[in-house]
């Protein structure tokens, strides 16, 4: 059973939005929660000689963002192939 183009487009955007919302929640947790809200609790843990809360605010968030970009690219390439929207 084949999906019509309109159904396929709707399913593609539904999966795309779900992926973006998931990654935005992870981004929020890494940047706001770990770097600001939980900084006092995290500062009790040492990471490479620095308090973990400080590390998240200064370095960890950047690594987290780079990882989110990588995950987004890989997942979107897979999604594009699934719906035959990939570039040759």
PDB file of N, CA and C in Angstrom:
ATOM      1  N   UNK A   1       0.842  -1.174   0.000  1.00  0.00           N
ATOM      2  CA  UNK A   1       0.000   0.000   0.000  1.00  0.00           C
ATOM      3  C   UNK A   1       0.887   1.237   0.000  1.00  0.00           C
ATOM      4  N   UNK A   2       0.729   2.044  -0.986  1.00  0.00           N
ATOM      5  CA  UNK A   2       1.565   3.223  -1.165  1.00  0.00           C
ATOM      6  C   UNK A   2       0.864   4.472  -0.633  1.00  0.00           C
ATOM      7  N   UNK A   3       1.636   5.321  -0.005  1.00  0.00           N
ATOM      8  CA  UNK A   3       1.079   6.581   0.481  1.00  0.00           C
ATOM      9  C   UNK A   3       0.989   7.588  -0.651  1.00  0.00           C
ATOM     10  N   UNK A   4      -0.042   8.404  -0.624  1.00  0.00           N
ATOM     11  CA  UNK A   4      -0.104   9.484  -1.599  1.00  0.00           C
ATOM     12  C   UNK A   4       0.980  10.498  -1.262  1.00  0.00           C
ATOM     13  N   UNK A   5       1.276  11.382  -2.197  1.00  0.00           N
ATOM     14  CA  UNK A   5       2.329  12.382  -1.954  1.00  0.00           C
ATOM     15  C   UNK A   5       1.969  13.283  -0.779  1.00  0.00           C
ATOM     16  N   UNK A   6       0.702  13.609  -0.670  1.00  0.00           N
ATOM     17  CA  UNK A   6       0.274  14.473   0.434  1.00  0.00           C
ATOM     18  C   UNK A   6       0.416  13.753   1.774  1.00  0.00           C
ATOM     19  N   UNK A   7       0.052  12.479   1.828  1.00  0.00           N
ATOM     20  CA  UNK A   7       0.208  11.704   3.059  1.00  0.00           C
ATOM     21  C   UNK A   7       1.682  11.524   3.408  1.00  0.00           C
ATOM     22  N   UNK A   8       2.501  11.289   2.398  1.00  0.00           N
ATOM     23  CA  UNK A   8       3.937  11.129   2.627  1.00  0.00           C
ATOM     24  C   UNK A   8       4.542  12.431   3.151  1.00  0.00           C
ATOM     25  N   UNK A   9       4.128  13.561   2.575  1.00  0.00           N
ATOM     26  CA  UNK A   9       4.635  14.861   3.031  1.00  0.00           C
ATOM     27  C   UNK A   9       4.208  15.130   4.467  1.00  0.00           C
ATOM     28  N   UNK A  10       2.980  14.788   4.799  1.00  0.00           N
ATOM     29  CA  UNK A  10       2.478  14.993   6.157  1.00  0.00           C
ATOM     30  C   UNK A  10       3.247  14.103   7.145  1.00  0.00           C
ATOM     31  N   UNK A  11       3.474  12.856   6.781  1.00  0.00           N
ATOM     32  CA  UNK A  11       4.220  11.936   7.651  1.00  0.00           C
ATOM     33  C   UNK A  11       5.671  12.393   7.816  1.00  0.00           C
ATOM     34  N   UNK A  12       6.277  12.886   6.727  1.00  0.00           N
ATOM     35  CA  UNK A  12       7.655  13.384   6.773  1.00  0.00           C
ATOM     36  C   UNK A  12       7.764  14.541   7.760  1.00  0.00           C
ATOM     37  N   UNK A  13       6.854  15.524   7.646  1.00  0.00           N
ATOM     38  CA  UNK A  13       6.925  16.681   8.525  1.00  0.00           C
ATOM     39  C   UNK A  13       6.601  16.332   9.961  1.00  0.00           C
ATOM     40  N   UNK A  14       5.720  15.341  10.161  1.00  0.00           N
ATOM     41  CA  UNK A  14       5.411  14.903  11.523  1.00  0.00           C
ATOM     42  C   UNK A  14       6.661  14.314  12.175  1.00  0.00           C
ATOM     43  N   UNK A  15       7.383  13.463  11.450  1.00  0.00           N
ATOM     44  CA  UNK A  15       8.622  12.884  11.996  1.00  0.00           C
ATOM     45  C   UNK A  15       9.696  13.948  12.178  1.00  0.00           C
ATOM     46  N   UNK A  16       9.773  14.880  11.239  1.00  0.00           N
ATOM     47  CA  UNK A  16      10.749  15.968  11.313  1.00  0.00           C
ATOM     48  C   UNK A  16      10.494  16.828  12.557  1.00  0.00           C
ATOM     49  N   UNK A  17       9.256  17.197  12.794  1.00  0.00           N
ATOM     50  CA  UNK A  17       8.925  18.020  13.958  1.00  0.00           C
ATOM     51  C   UNK A  17       9.166  17.264  15.263  1.00  0.00           C
ATOM     52  N   UNK A  18       8.881  15.965  15.287  1.00  0.00           N
ATOM     53  CA  UNK A  18       9.139  15.170  16.486  1.00  0.00           C
ATOM     54  C   UNK A  18      10.633  15.157  16.804  1.00  0.00           C
ATOM     55  N   UNK A  19      11.451  14.982  15.769  1.00  0.00           N
ATOM     56  CA  UNK A  19      12.899  14.999  15.955  1.00  0.00           C
ATOM     57  C   UNK A  19      13.376  16.355  16.470  1.00  0.00           C
ATOM     58  N   UNK A  20      12.888  17.427  15.863  1.00  0.00           N
ATOM     59  CA  UNK A  20      13.299  18.766  16.300  1.00  0.00           C
ATOM     60  C   UNK A  20      12.884  19.050  17.733  1.00  0.00           C
ATOM     61  N   UNK A  21      11.676  18.652  18.114  1.00  0.00           N
ATOM     62  CA  UNK A  21      11.221  18.888  19.487  1.00  0.00           C
ATOM     63  C   UNK A  21      12.055  18.086  20.484  1.00  0.00           C
ATOM     64  N   UNK A  22      12.385  16.855  20.133  1.00  0.00           N
ATOM     65  CA  UNK A  22      13.224  16.036  21.013  1.00  0.00           C
ATOM     66  C   UNK A  22      14.589  16.679  21.205  1.00  0.00           C
ATOM     67  N   UNK A  23      15.193  17.126  20.110  1.00  0.00           N
ATOM     68  CA  UNK A  23      16.513  17.748  20.203  1.00  0.00           C
ATOM     69  C   UNK A  23      16.458  19.090  20.930  1.00  0.00           C
ATOM     70  N   UNK A  24      15.365  19.824  20.788  1.00  0.00           N
ATOM     71  CA  UNK A  24      15.226  21.086  21.520  1.00  0.00           C
ATOM     72  C   UNK A  24      15.104  20.846  23.026  1.00  0.00           C
ATOM     73  N   UNK A  25      14.431  19.781  23.424  1.00  0.00           N
ATOM     74  CA  UNK A  25      14.333  19.454  24.840  1.00  0.00           C
ATOM     75  C   UNK A  25      15.714  19.098  25.391  1.00  0.00           C
ATOM     76  N   UNK A  26      16.477  18.313  24.641  1.00  0.00           N
ATOM     77  CA  UNK A  26      17.839  17.970  25.063  1.00  0.00           C
ATOM     78  C   UNK A  26      18.684  19.239  25.156  1.00  0.00           C
ATOM     79  N   UNK A  27      18.564  20.125  24.168  1.00  0.00           N
ATOM     80  CA  UNK A  27      19.299  21.396  24.171  1.00  0.00           C
ATOM     81  C   UNK A  27      18.958  22.212  25.419  1.00  0.00           C
ATOM     82  N   UNK A  28      17.665  22.269  25.752  1.00  0.00           N
ATOM     83  CA  UNK A  28      17.231  23.026  26.925  1.00  0.00           C
ATOM     84  C   UNK A  28      17.827  22.435  28.204  1.00  0.00           C
ATOM     85  N   UNK A  29      17.774  21.120  28.324  1.00  0.00           N
ATOM     86  CA  UNK A  29      18.292  20.465  29.523  1.00  0.00           C
ATOM     87  C   UNK A  29      19.791  20.710  29.660  1.00  0.00           C
ATOM     88  N   UNK A  30      20.534  20.579  28.565  1.00  0.00           N
ATOM     89  CA  UNK A  30      21.987  20.766  28.620  1.00  0.00           C
ATOM     90  C   UNK A  30      22.336  22.216  28.911  1.00  0.00           C
ATOM     91  N   UNK A  31      21.705  23.150  28.208  1.00  0.00           N
ATOM     92  CA  UNK A  31      22.112  24.550  28.350  1.00  0.00           C
ATOM     93  C   UNK A  31      21.520  25.217  29.580  1.00  0.00           C
ATOM     94  N   UNK A  32      20.239  25.114  29.787  1.00  0.00           N
ATOM     95  CA  UNK A  32      19.591  25.853  30.872  1.00  0.00           C
ATOM     96  C   UNK A  32      19.664  25.098  32.197  1.00  0.00           C
ATOM     97  N   UNK A  33      19.246  23.855  32.174  1.00  0.00           N
ATOM     98  CA  UNK A  33      19.197  23.101  33.439  1.00  0.00           C
ATOM     99  C   UNK A  33      20.589  22.801  33.976  1.00  0.00           C
ATOM    100  N   UNK A  34      21.446  22.181  33.157  1.00  0.00           N
ATOM    101  CA  UNK A  34      22.781  21.799  33.645  1.00  0.00           C
ATOM    102  C   UNK A  34      23.670  23.015  33.865  1.00  0.00           C
ATOM    103  N   UNK A  35      23.531  24.045  33.032  1.00  0.00           N
ATOM    104  CA  UNK A  35      24.408  25.208  33.139  1.00  0.00           C
ATOM    105  C   UNK A  35      23.942  26.276  34.100  1.00  0.00           C
ATOM    106  N   UNK A  36      22.631  26.282  34.446  1.00  0.00           N
ATOM    107  CA  UNK A  36      22.116  27.358  35.294  1.00  0.00           C
ATOM    108  C   UNK A  36      21.369  26.824  36.528  1.00  0.00           C
ATOM    109  N   UNK A  37      20.344  26.008  36.309  1.00  0.00           N
ATOM    110  CA  UNK A  37      19.499  25.580  37.425  1.00  0.00           C
ATOM    111  C   UNK A  37      20.197  24.626  38.388  1.00  0.00           C
ATOM    112  N   UNK A  38      20.912  23.658  37.862  1.00  0.00           N
ATOM    113  CA  UNK A  38      21.525  22.636  38.701  1.00  0.00           C
ATOM    114  C   UNK A  38      23.001  22.882  38.953  1.00  0.00           C
ATOM    115  N   UNK A  39      23.461  24.095  38.712  1.00  0.00           N
ATOM    116  CA  UNK A  39      24.891  24.376  38.805  1.00  0.00           C
ATOM    117  C   UNK A  39      25.432  24.147  40.210  1.00  0.00           C
ATOM    118  N   UNK A  40      24.683  24.502  41.243  1.00  0.00           N
ATOM    119  CA  UNK A  40      25.175  24.327  42.613  1.00  0.00           C
ATOM    120  C   UNK A  40      25.328  22.850  42.975  1.00  0.00           C
ATOM    121  N   UNK A  41      24.392  22.053  42.561  1.00  0.00           N
ATOM    122  CA  UNK A  41      24.470  20.613  42.829  1.00  0.00           C
ATOM    123  C   UNK A  41      25.606  19.994  42.015  1.00  0.00           C
ATOM    124  N   UNK A  42      25.707  20.382  40.741  1.00  0.00           N
ATOM    125  CA  UNK A  42      26.745  19.816  39.873  1.00  0.00           C
ATOM    126  C   UNK A  42      28.144  20.268  40.276  1.00  0.00           C
ATOM    127  N   UNK A  43      28.255  21.441  40.890  1.00  0.00           N
ATOM    128  CA  UNK A  43      29.578  21.945  41.292  1.00  0.00           C
ATOM    129  C   UNK A  43      30.209  21.110  42.406  1.00  0.00           C
ATOM    130  N   UNK A  44      29.443  20.260  43.042  1.00  0.00           N
ATOM    131  CA  UNK A  44      29.993  19.387  44.074  1.00  0.00           C
ATOM    132  C   UNK A  44      30.772  18.219  43.469  1.00  0.00           C
ATOM    133  N   UNK A  45      30.632  18.013  42.168  1.00  0.00           N
ATOM    134  CA  UNK A  45      31.323  16.942  41.450  1.00  0.00           C
ATOM    135  C   UNK A  45      32.458  17.567  40.652  1.00  0.00           C
ATOM    136  N   UNK A  46      33.645  16.980  40.742  1.00  0.00           N
ATOM    137  CA  UNK A  46      34.802  17.470  39.993  1.00  0.00           C
ATOM    138  C   UNK A  46      34.910  16.728  38.657  1.00  0.00           C
ATOM    139  N   UNK A  47      35.230  17.464  37.596  1.00  0.00           N
ATOM    140  CA  UNK A  47      35.399  16.893  36.262  1.00  0.00           C
ATOM    141  C   UNK A  47      36.634  17.531  35.649  1.00  0.00           C
ATOM    142  N   UNK A  48      37.685  16.756  35.434  1.00  0.00           N
ATOM    143  CA  UNK A  48      38.979  17.257  34.947  1.00  0.00           C
ATOM    144  C   UNK A  48      39.496  18.397  35.823  1.00  0.00           C
ATOM    145  N   UNK A  49      39.252  18.314  37.117  1.00  0.00           N
ATOM    146  CA  UNK A  49      39.756  19.309  38.053  1.00  0.00           C
ATOM    147  C   UNK A  49      38.885  20.547  38.190  1.00  0.00           C
ATOM    148  N   UNK A  50      37.750  20.593  37.486  1.00  0.00           N
ATOM    149  CA  UNK A  50      36.851  21.742  37.557  1.00  0.00           C
ATOM    150  C   UNK A  50      35.502  21.296  38.098  1.00  0.00           C
ATOM    151  N   UNK A  51      34.778  22.194  38.753  1.00  0.00           N
ATOM    152  CA  UNK A  51      33.420  21.849  39.172  1.00  0.00           C
ATOM    153  C   UNK A  51      32.562  21.519  37.942  1.00  0.00           C
ATOM    154  N   UNK A  52      31.753  20.470  38.024  1.00  0.00           N
ATOM    155  CA  UNK A  52      30.982  20.004  36.863  1.00  0.00           C
ATOM    156  C   UNK A  52      30.006  21.059  36.358  1.00  0.00           C
ATOM    157  N   UNK A  53      29.389  21.825  37.258  1.00  0.00           N
ATOM    158  CA  UNK A  53      28.470  22.890  36.833  1.00  0.00           C
ATOM    159  C   UNK A  53      29.183  23.948  36.008  1.00  0.00           C
ATOM    160  N   UNK A  54      30.375  24.336  36.455  1.00  0.00           N
ATOM    161  CA  UNK A  54      31.184  25.298  35.695  1.00  0.00           C
ATOM    162  C   UNK A  54      31.552  24.724  34.333  1.00  0.00           C
ATOM    163  N   UNK A  55      31.943  23.432  34.334  1.00  0.00           N
ATOM    164  CA  UNK A  55      32.337  22.798  33.073  1.00  0.00           C
ATOM    165  C   UNK A  55      31.170  22.776  32.088  1.00  0.00           C
ATOM    166  N   UNK A  56      29.961  22.441  32.553  1.00  0.00           N
ATOM    167  CA  UNK A  56      28.797  22.437  31.664  1.00  0.00           C
ATOM    168  C   UNK A  56      28.529  23.827  31.110  1.00  0.00           C
ATOM    169  N   UNK A  57      28.636  24.838  31.955  1.00  0.00           N
ATOM    170  CA  UNK A  57      28.364  26.205  31.507  1.00  0.00           C
ATOM    171  C   UNK A  57      29.392  26.681  30.496  1.00  0.00           C
ATOM    172  N   UNK A  58      30.658  26.257  30.643  1.00  0.00           N
ATOM    173  CA  UNK A  58      31.721  26.766  29.781  1.00  0.00           C
ATOM    174  C   UNK A  58      32.023  25.874  28.586  1.00  0.00           C
ATOM    175  N   UNK A  59      32.098  24.574  28.774  1.00  0.00           N
ATOM    176  CA  UNK A  59      32.532  23.665  27.717  1.00  0.00           C
ATOM    177  C   UNK A  59      31.485  22.626  27.344  1.00  0.00           C
ATOM    178  N   UNK A  60      30.839  22.056  28.332  1.00  0.00           N
ATOM    179  CA  UNK A  60      29.930  20.943  28.096  1.00  0.00           C
ATOM    180  C   UNK A  60      28.780  21.288  27.175  1.00  0.00           C
ATOM    181  N   UNK A  61      28.254  22.499  27.314  1.00  0.00           N
ATOM    182  CA  UNK A  61      27.144  22.906  26.454  1.00  0.00           C
ATOM    183  C   UNK A  61      27.582  22.964  24.995  1.00  0.00           C
ATOM    184  N   UNK A  62      28.791  23.422  24.739  1.00  0.00           N
ATOM    185  CA  UNK A  62      29.297  23.489  23.362  1.00  0.00           C
ATOM    186  C   UNK A  62      29.411  22.092  22.773  1.00  0.00           C
ATOM    187  N   UNK A  63      29.981  21.148  23.551  1.00  0.00           N
ATOM    188  CA  UNK A  63      30.072  19.766  23.074  1.00  0.00           C
ATOM    189  C   UNK A  63      28.683  19.177  22.864  1.00  0.00           C
ATOM    190  N   UNK A  64      27.772  19.514  23.760  1.00  0.00           N
ATOM    191  CA  UNK A  64      26.392  19.038  23.613  1.00  0.00           C
ATOM    192  C   UNK A  64      25.747  19.559  22.340  1.00  0.00           C
ATOM    193  N   UNK A  65      25.978  20.826  22.032  1.00  0.00           N
ATOM    194  CA  UNK A  65      25.405  21.414  20.816  1.00  0.00           C
ATOM    195  C   UNK A  65      25.985  20.763  19.569  1.00  0.00           C
ATOM    196  N   UNK A  66      27.283  20.519  19.575  1.00  0.00           N
ATOM    197  CA  UNK A  66      27.905  19.849  18.426  1.00  0.00           C
ATOM    198  C   UNK A  66      27.348  18.441  18.246  1.00  0.00           C
ATOM    199  N   UNK A  67      27.141  17.747  19.340  1.00  0.00           N
ATOM    200  CA  UNK A  67      26.560  16.408  19.279  1.00  0.00           C
ATOM    201  C   UNK A  67      25.123  16.468  18.750  1.00  0.00           C
ATOM    202  N   UNK A  68      24.359  17.467  19.185  1.00  0.00           N
ATOM    203  CA  UNK A  68      22.989  17.625  18.678  1.00  0.00           C
ATOM    204  C   UNK A  68      22.971  17.885  17.171  1.00  0.00           C
ATOM    205  N   UNK A  69      23.894  18.675  16.683  1.00  0.00           N
ATOM    206  CA  UNK A  69      23.977  18.938  15.242  1.00  0.00           C
ATOM    207  C   UNK A  69      24.286  17.647  14.491  1.00  0.00           C
ATOM    208  N   UNK A  70      25.231  16.875  14.998  1.00  0.00           N
ATOM    209  CA  UNK A  70      25.580  15.606  14.366  1.00  0.00           C
ATOM    210  C   UNK A  70      24.381  14.657  14.344  1.00  0.00           C
ATOM    211  N   UNK A  71      23.688  14.532  15.464  1.00  0.00           N
ATOM    212  CA  UNK A  71      22.510  13.658  15.529  1.00  0.00           C
ATOM    213  C   UNK A  71      21.447  14.132  14.550  1.00  0.00           C
ATOM    214  N   UNK A  72      21.220  15.443  14.486  1.00  0.00           N
ATOM    215  CA  UNK A  72      20.208  15.987  13.574  1.00  0.00           C
ATOM    216  C   UNK A  72      20.551  15.659  12.120  1.00  0.00           C
ATOM    217  N   UNK A  73      21.790  15.850  11.733  1.00  0.00           N
ATOM    218  CA  UNK A  73      22.206  15.577  10.350  1.00  0.00           C
ATOM    219  C   UNK A  73      22.020  14.100  10.015  1.00  0.00           C
ATOM    220  N   UNK A  74      22.466  13.227  10.899  1.00  0.00           N
ATOM    221  CA  UNK A  74      22.352  11.787  10.633  1.00  0.00           C
ATOM    222  C   UNK A  74      20.890  11.343  10.570  1.00  0.00           C
ATOM    223  N   UNK A  75      20.076  11.804  11.514  1.00  0.00           N
ATOM    224  CA  UNK A  75      18.665  11.419  11.534  1.00  0.00           C
ATOM    225  C   UNK A  75      17.906  11.988  10.331  1.00  0.00           C
ATOM    226  N   UNK A  76      18.223  13.229   9.941  1.00  0.00           N
ATOM    227  CA  UNK A  76      17.524  13.818   8.789  1.00  0.00           C
ATOM    228  C   UNK A  76      17.925  13.136   7.489  1.00  0.00           C
ATOM    229  N   UNK A  77      19.179  12.743   7.352  1.00  0.00           N
ATOM    230  CA  UNK A  77      19.588  11.999   6.163  1.00  0.00           C
ATOM    231  C   UNK A  77      18.827  10.674   6.079  1.00  0.00           C
ATOM    232  N   UNK A  78      18.684  10.005   7.222  1.00  0.00           N
ATOM    233  CA  UNK A  78      17.933   8.747   7.264  1.00  0.00           C
ATOM    234  C   UNK A  78      16.462   8.990   6.918  1.00  0.00           C
ATOM    235  N   UNK A  79      15.889  10.058   7.463  1.00  0.00           N
ATOM    236  CA  UNK A  79      14.493  10.394   7.190  1.00  0.00           C
ATOM    237  C   UNK A  79      14.297  10.758   5.721  1.00  0.00           C
ATOM    238  N   UNK A  80      15.233  11.500   5.146  1.00  0.00           N
ATOM    239  CA  UNK A  80      15.145  11.855   3.733  1.00  0.00           C
ATOM    240  C   UNK A  80      15.187  10.611   2.842  1.00  0.00           C
ATOM    241  N   UNK A  81      16.027   9.650   3.198  1.00  0.00           N
ATOM    242  CA  UNK A  81      16.088   8.405   2.422  1.00  0.00           C
ATOM    243  C   UNK A  81      14.798   7.607   2.564  1.00  0.00           C
ATOM    244  N   UNK A  82      14.241   7.609   3.759  1.00  0.00           N
ATOM    245  CA  UNK A  82      12.998   6.873   4.014  1.00  0.00           C
ATOM    246  C   UNK A  82      11.866   7.377   3.125  1.00  0.00           C
ATOM    247  N   UNK A  83      11.788   8.691   2.929  1.00  0.00           N
ATOM    248  CA  UNK A  83      10.735   9.284   2.114  1.00  0.00           C
ATOM    249  C   UNK A  83      11.196   9.638   0.705  1.00  0.00           C
ATOM    250  N   UNK A  84      12.356   9.121   0.318  1.00  0.00           N
ATOM    251  CA  UNK A  84      12.923   9.321  -1.016  1.00  0.00           C
ATOM    252  C   UNK A  84      13.063  10.800  -1.363  1.00  0.00           C
ATOM    253  N   UNK A  85      13.594  11.557  -0.421  1.00  0.00           N
ATOM    254  CA  UNK A  85      13.835  12.996  -0.628  1.00  0.00           C
ATOM    255  C   UNK A  85      15.314  13.327  -0.597  1.00  0.00           C
ATOM    256  N   UNK A  86      16.152  12.314  -0.580  1.00  0.00           N
ATOM    257  CA  UNK A  86      17.592  12.535  -0.464  1.00  0.00           C
ATOM    258  C   UNK A  86      18.164  13.044  -1.780  1.00  0.00           C
ATOM    259  N   UNK A  87      19.311  13.692  -1.649  1.00  0.00           N
ATOM    260  CA  UNK A  87      19.996  14.215  -2.829  1.00  0.00           C
ATOM    261  C   UNK A  87      20.886  13.124  -3.390  1.00  0.00           C
ATOM    262  N   UNK A  88      21.028  13.114  -4.680  1.00  0.00           N
ATOM    263  CA  UNK A  88      21.848  12.086  -5.346  1.00  0.00           C
ATOM    264  C   UNK A  88      23.310  12.395  -5.169  1.00  0.00           C
TER     265      UNK A  88
END
